[in-house]
Amino acid sequence: MSQPEDLTAVHRRIDELVQRVADLERTVGRLNEAVPAAPSRPAPKDRPEVVTIPDAPYNAALWTDSDDEGLGLRDRRAP
């Protein structure tokens, strides 16, 4: 195909696309009119309790006898 023929084909496809989008918008508009509006959902009454995390450092005793994840035991070399 030559360039003018390609441009004509592209313009034709764009026109078809615009027409189909307009048809779709009309169909959606009719469907929205036919379907009753769904009732709005009430706000949740039970909200989870907010937990405040202190900025103070953790107690070092919490980490005794723990392994460094992915590095192996503390007294051994990493793989």
N, C-alpha and C. Protein backbone atom coordinates (compact mmCIF):
# COMPACT_ATOMS: atom_id res chain seq x y z
N MET A 1 0.84 -1.19 0.00
CA MET A 1 0.00 0.00 0.00
C MET A 1 0.87 1.24 0.00
N SER A 2 0.36 2.26 -0.64
CA SER A 2 1.10 3.52 -0.64
C SER A 2 0.72 4.33 0.60
N GLN A 3 1.47 5.35 0.84
CA GLN A 3 1.24 6.17 2.03
C GLN A 3 -0.14 6.83 2.03
N PRO A 4 -0.63 7.40 0.92
CA PRO A 4 -1.98 7.98 0.95
C PRO A 4 -3.06 6.93 1.22
N GLU A 5 -2.89 5.72 0.69
CA GLU A 5 -3.85 4.66 0.96
C GLU A 5 -3.82 4.26 2.42
N ASP A 6 -2.61 4.20 3.00
CA ASP A 6 -2.48 3.87 4.42
C ASP A 6 -3.17 4.93 5.28
N LEU A 7 -2.96 6.20 4.95
CA LEU A 7 -3.59 7.28 5.71
C LEU A 7 -5.10 7.21 5.61
N THR A 8 -5.61 6.91 4.42
CA THR A 8 -7.05 6.79 4.24
C THR A 8 -7.60 5.64 5.09
N ALA A 9 -6.90 4.52 5.11
CA ALA A 9 -7.33 3.37 5.92
C ALA A 9 -7.30 3.71 7.40
N VAL A 10 -6.29 4.43 7.84
CA VAL A 10 -6.19 4.82 9.25
C VAL A 10 -7.33 5.75 9.61
N HIS A 11 -7.63 6.72 8.76
CA HIS A 11 -8.74 7.65 9.02
C HIS A 11 -10.08 6.90 9.08
N ARG A 12 -10.25 5.94 8.20
CA ARG A 12 -11.48 5.15 8.20
C ARG A 12 -11.61 4.36 9.51
N ARG A 13 -10.51 3.77 9.96
CA ARG A 13 -10.52 3.01 11.22
C ARG A 13 -10.80 3.92 12.42
N ILE A 14 -10.24 5.11 12.40
CA ILE A 14 -10.48 6.06 13.50
C ILE A 14 -11.94 6.46 13.51
N ASP A 15 -12.52 6.70 12.34
CA ASP A 15 -13.95 7.04 12.28
C ASP A 15 -14.81 5.91 12.81
N GLU A 16 -14.45 4.66 12.46
CA GLU A 16 -15.18 3.51 12.97
C GLU A 16 -15.06 3.42 14.48
N LEU A 17 -13.87 3.67 14.99
CA LEU A 17 -13.65 3.62 16.43
C LEU A 17 -14.47 4.68 17.15
N VAL A 18 -14.49 5.88 16.61
CA VAL A 18 -15.27 6.96 17.22
C VAL A 18 -16.75 6.59 17.24
N GLN A 19 -17.24 6.00 16.15
CA GLN A 19 -18.64 5.61 16.09
C GLN A 19 -18.96 4.51 17.10
N ARG A 20 -18.07 3.54 17.23
CA ARG A 20 -18.31 2.45 18.19
C ARG A 20 -18.25 2.95 19.63
N VAL A 21 -17.37 3.89 19.92
CA VAL A 21 -17.31 4.46 21.27
C VAL A 21 -18.59 5.21 21.57
N ALA A 22 -19.11 5.95 20.59
CA ALA A 22 -20.36 6.67 20.79
C ALA A 22 -21.51 5.69 21.02
N ASP A 23 -21.54 4.59 20.27
CA ASP A 23 -22.56 3.56 20.47
C ASP A 23 -22.46 2.96 21.87
N LEU A 24 -21.25 2.70 22.30
CA LEU A 24 -21.03 2.13 23.63
C LEU A 24 -21.48 3.10 24.71
N GLU A 25 -21.18 4.38 24.56
CA GLU A 25 -21.61 5.38 25.55
C GLU A 25 -23.12 5.43 25.64
N ARG A 26 -23.81 5.35 24.49
CA ARG A 26 -25.28 5.36 24.50
C ARG A 26 -25.82 4.12 25.20
N THR A 27 -25.22 2.96 24.92
CA THR A 27 -25.65 1.71 25.55
C THR A 27 -25.46 1.77 27.06
N VAL A 28 -24.32 2.26 27.50
CA VAL A 28 -24.05 2.37 28.94
C VAL A 28 -25.03 3.35 29.58
N GLY A 29 -25.33 4.44 28.89
CA GLY A 29 -26.29 5.40 29.42
C GLY A 29 -27.66 4.77 29.60
N ARG A 30 -28.10 3.97 28.63
CA ARG A 30 -29.40 3.29 28.75
C ARG A 30 -29.38 2.28 29.88
N LEU A 31 -28.28 1.55 30.03
CA LEU A 31 -28.19 0.57 31.11
C LEU A 31 -28.21 1.26 32.47
N ASN A 32 -27.54 2.38 32.58
CA ASN A 32 -27.54 3.11 33.86
C ASN A 32 -28.93 3.61 34.21
N GLU A 33 -29.71 3.99 33.21
CA GLU A 33 -31.07 4.44 33.47
C GLU A 33 -31.97 3.28 33.85
N ALA A 34 -31.73 2.09 33.29
CA ALA A 34 -32.58 0.94 33.54
C ALA A 34 -32.31 0.29 34.89
N VAL A 35 -31.08 0.35 35.36
CA VAL A 35 -30.71 -0.30 36.62
C VAL A 35 -30.87 0.70 37.75
N PRO A 36 -31.61 0.32 38.81
CA PRO A 36 -31.74 1.26 39.94
C PRO A 36 -30.39 1.45 40.63
N ALA A 37 -30.21 2.61 41.16
CA ALA A 37 -28.96 2.94 41.84
C ALA A 37 -28.80 2.08 43.08
N ALA A 38 -27.62 1.55 43.26
CA ALA A 38 -27.34 0.74 44.43
C ALA A 38 -27.26 1.63 45.66
N PRO A 39 -27.78 1.16 46.79
CA PRO A 39 -27.68 1.97 48.00
C PRO A 39 -26.22 2.13 48.41
N SER A 40 -25.91 3.28 48.93
CA SER A 40 -24.53 3.52 49.35
C SER A 40 -24.23 2.66 50.57
N ARG A 41 -22.99 2.25 50.66
CA ARG A 41 -22.59 1.40 51.78
C ARG A 41 -22.37 2.25 53.02
N PRO A 42 -22.87 1.78 54.15
CA PRO A 42 -22.63 2.53 55.38
C PRO A 42 -21.17 2.43 55.79
N ALA A 43 -20.72 3.45 56.47
CA ALA A 43 -19.34 3.46 56.95
C ALA A 43 -19.17 2.38 58.01
N PRO A 44 -18.02 1.71 58.02
CA PRO A 44 -17.81 0.68 59.05
C PRO A 44 -17.81 1.30 60.44
N LYS A 45 -18.51 0.65 61.32
CA LYS A 45 -18.64 1.18 62.68
C LYS A 45 -17.50 0.71 63.57
N ASP A 46 -17.04 -0.50 63.32
CA ASP A 46 -15.97 -1.05 64.15
C ASP A 46 -14.64 -0.85 63.43
N ARG A 47 -13.89 0.08 63.91
CA ARG A 47 -12.56 0.31 63.34
C ARG A 47 -11.53 -0.38 64.22
N PRO A 48 -10.49 -0.91 63.61
CA PRO A 48 -9.46 -1.55 64.44
C PRO A 48 -8.77 -0.52 65.33
N GLU A 49 -8.35 -1.00 66.46
CA GLU A 49 -7.67 -0.12 67.42
C GLU A 49 -6.31 0.27 66.87
N VAL A 50 -5.95 1.52 67.01
CA VAL A 50 -4.67 2.01 66.54
C VAL A 50 -3.62 1.67 67.59
N VAL A 51 -2.54 1.05 67.13
CA VAL A 51 -1.46 0.67 68.04
C VAL A 51 -0.32 1.65 67.85
N THR A 52 0.10 2.28 68.93
CA THR A 52 1.21 3.23 68.87
C THR A 52 2.51 2.49 69.18
N ILE A 53 3.49 2.65 68.31
CA ILE A 53 4.78 2.01 68.50
C ILE A 53 5.74 3.06 69.04
N PRO A 54 6.34 2.82 70.21
CA PRO A 54 7.22 3.82 70.81
C PRO A 54 8.51 3.99 70.00
N ASP A 55 9.10 5.17 70.12
CA ASP A 55 10.37 5.46 69.44
C ASP A 55 11.57 4.95 70.22
N ALA A 56 11.37 4.54 71.45
CA ALA A 56 12.47 4.06 72.29
C ALA A 56 13.04 2.78 71.69
N PRO A 57 14.34 2.55 71.82
CA PRO A 57 14.93 1.32 71.27
C PRO A 57 14.40 0.09 72.02
N TYR A 58 14.37 -1.02 71.31
CA TYR A 58 13.92 -2.27 71.92
C TYR A 58 14.95 -2.75 72.93
N ASN A 59 14.50 -3.54 73.86
CA ASN A 59 15.36 -4.15 74.85
C ASN A 59 16.26 -5.16 74.13
N ALA A 60 17.56 -5.06 74.31
CA ALA A 60 18.52 -5.94 73.64
C ALA A 60 18.33 -7.40 74.05
N ALA A 61 17.75 -7.65 75.21
CA ALA A 61 17.53 -9.01 75.67
C ALA A 61 16.54 -9.75 74.76
N LEU A 62 15.73 -9.00 74.03
CA LEU A 62 14.79 -9.64 73.12
C LEU A 62 15.51 -10.38 71.99
N TRP A 63 16.73 -9.96 71.67
CA TRP A 63 17.43 -10.50 70.53
C TRP A 63 18.51 -11.51 70.90
N THR A 64 18.67 -11.82 72.17
CA THR A 64 19.68 -12.81 72.54
C THR A 64 19.25 -14.18 72.03
N ASP A 65 20.19 -14.99 71.67
CA ASP A 65 19.98 -16.34 71.14
C ASP A 65 19.20 -16.33 69.83
N SER A 66 19.26 -15.27 69.10
CA SER A 66 18.58 -15.24 67.80
C SER A 66 19.62 -15.33 66.69
N ASP A 67 19.21 -15.88 65.59
CA ASP A 67 20.10 -15.98 64.43
C ASP A 67 19.90 -14.76 63.55
N ASP A 68 20.97 -14.33 62.91
CA ASP A 68 20.83 -13.27 61.91
C ASP A 68 20.27 -13.92 60.66
N GLU A 69 19.10 -13.51 60.30
CA GLU A 69 18.39 -14.15 59.20
C GLU A 69 19.21 -14.07 57.92
N GLY A 70 19.47 -15.23 57.33
CA GLY A 70 20.21 -15.29 56.09
C GLY A 70 21.71 -15.31 56.26
N LEU A 71 22.20 -15.04 57.46
CA LEU A 71 23.65 -15.01 57.68
C LEU A 71 24.14 -16.16 58.55
N GLY A 72 23.26 -16.94 59.07
CA GLY A 72 23.66 -18.05 59.91
C GLY A 72 23.81 -17.63 61.37
N LEU A 73 24.44 -18.50 62.15
CA LEU A 73 24.59 -18.23 63.58
C LEU A 73 25.65 -17.15 63.80
N ARG A 74 25.58 -16.48 64.93
CA ARG A 74 26.48 -15.37 65.21
C ARG A 74 27.95 -15.80 65.37
N ASP A 75 28.17 -16.97 65.90
CA ASP A 75 29.54 -17.39 66.15
C ASP A 75 30.14 -18.17 64.98
N ARG A 76 29.45 -18.22 63.85
CA ARG A 76 29.95 -18.92 62.67
C ARG A 76 30.02 -17.94 61.50
N ARG A 77 30.80 -18.36 60.49
CA ARG A 77 30.93 -17.53 59.31
C ARG A 77 29.69 -17.67 58.43
N ALA A 78 29.46 -16.64 57.66
CA ALA A 78 28.36 -16.70 56.70
C ALA A 78 28.76 -17.63 55.56
N PRO A 79 27.80 -18.26 54.93
CA PRO A 79 28.14 -19.21 53.85
C PRO A 79 28.82 -18.54 52.69
